[in-house]
Amino acid sequence: MDIKKLRSKIDTIDENILRLLNERTKAVLKIGKIKSKKGKTFYVPHREQKIINNLIKKNRGPFPQEAVKEIFREILTTSLSLQKKLRIAYFGPETTFTHLAAIKNFGRNAKFISVKSISDVFDEVEKDRADYGVVPIENSTEGIVNHTLDMFVDSELKICSEILMKISLYLISKAKDMSKIKRIYSHFQPIAQSRNWIEDNLPNVQLIEVASTAKAAQMAYKDSKSAAITSKLAANLYKLNILAANIEDKADNFTRFLVIGKDFPEVSGKDKTSIMFSIKDRVGALYDMLIPFKKHNINLTKIESRPSKRKAWEYIFFVDFMGHINNKGVKEALSELSKECVFLKVLGSYPGS
């Protein structure tokens, strides 16, 4: 078969893909009407996870698995926006990594609401000015975002899903020559994530911490002798030159974000649960708290402690583990755990990334 015939075959396949996409969209719109009449939620992360997991299992190649995820994520977010234009609050101005994470999860057609702080994200969702919120929770290099953890102590909002995003850092500037740079602006985390690169390439520049990577881009736009460490999107938005790409010190630099809302998702088959608890101050107390998880063969993926801010030397523990709140083993483990806690709160059971 020659190239002309192969291209003709591809054209026919593409037309079939387009036809099937429109057929799928018609079914999605019918579901949207039913949800609207019954007052059901439009964002269903456990259903999205099941769709993608099922397709990955059935994919025999040669089309790559990651590409399957990306393409169907785009189909799912577009379908969601056609059912309802959700309002999404996020921490930071446009082009911050939290903004990019929100776009990745909800698609470009959602209504995005930029707020100035993590507490404002919680406030927007609690007061129904936003349907969901997106906040950072941890970075693979720099660790946990403490303020996000602290917000869950008093908030009744739930974790609905998580977003794991690779962070690629760019040095951008009005200048075209890196030797002209005297100052670098960025949020403290990107500075920390690229410190070795800065020391190797721009050891004598002044490092200035600002509230966000978007603010850093704005400062670089005003000053031709400065640069910003930020996202590629910021370079496009502010029409700045990319002086260096992928300057993060570690190639596997990921940030985990949480989607917060008012509902628990159902079981997806690949779930994670987050809890917080406080324990009585006694020898071996924390060790005893972990026994129920071992007993019921539950895999803990993270444990963090934070001061309660209510009493000196009193701590709250945050734990992530695999499994859903509706799983039998998880129910039994949490029941046993609660008997030894001062308090126990389930923050969410949601599809794991």
Foldseek 3Di string as FASTA:
>chain_A
DDPVVVVVVVVVVVVVVVVVLVVVLVVLQVVLVVCVVVVHDLDFQLVLLLVLVVVLVVDPDPPDSVVSVQVVQQSVLVSSVVSDQFEEEEEDDPQFVQNVQCCSNNNPRHHYHYDHDPLVRLVCQVVVVGQKYKYFAAKPPPGGDVVNVLSLVPGLKAFAAKTKDADKKFKWAQDQDPVLAQEEEAAPVLCVQQVVLCCVPPVRHHYDYDSHQLVRLVVRLVDRNHIYIGDPVSCVVSVTDGNDIRRGPDRRIMIMMTMIHNDAHDHNPWKKWKKKFWFDDDPCLVVVLCVLCVVLVKAWDDKDWDANVPDPPTIMIMTMIIDFCPDPSNVVSVVVNCVGTPDMGTRYMYHYD
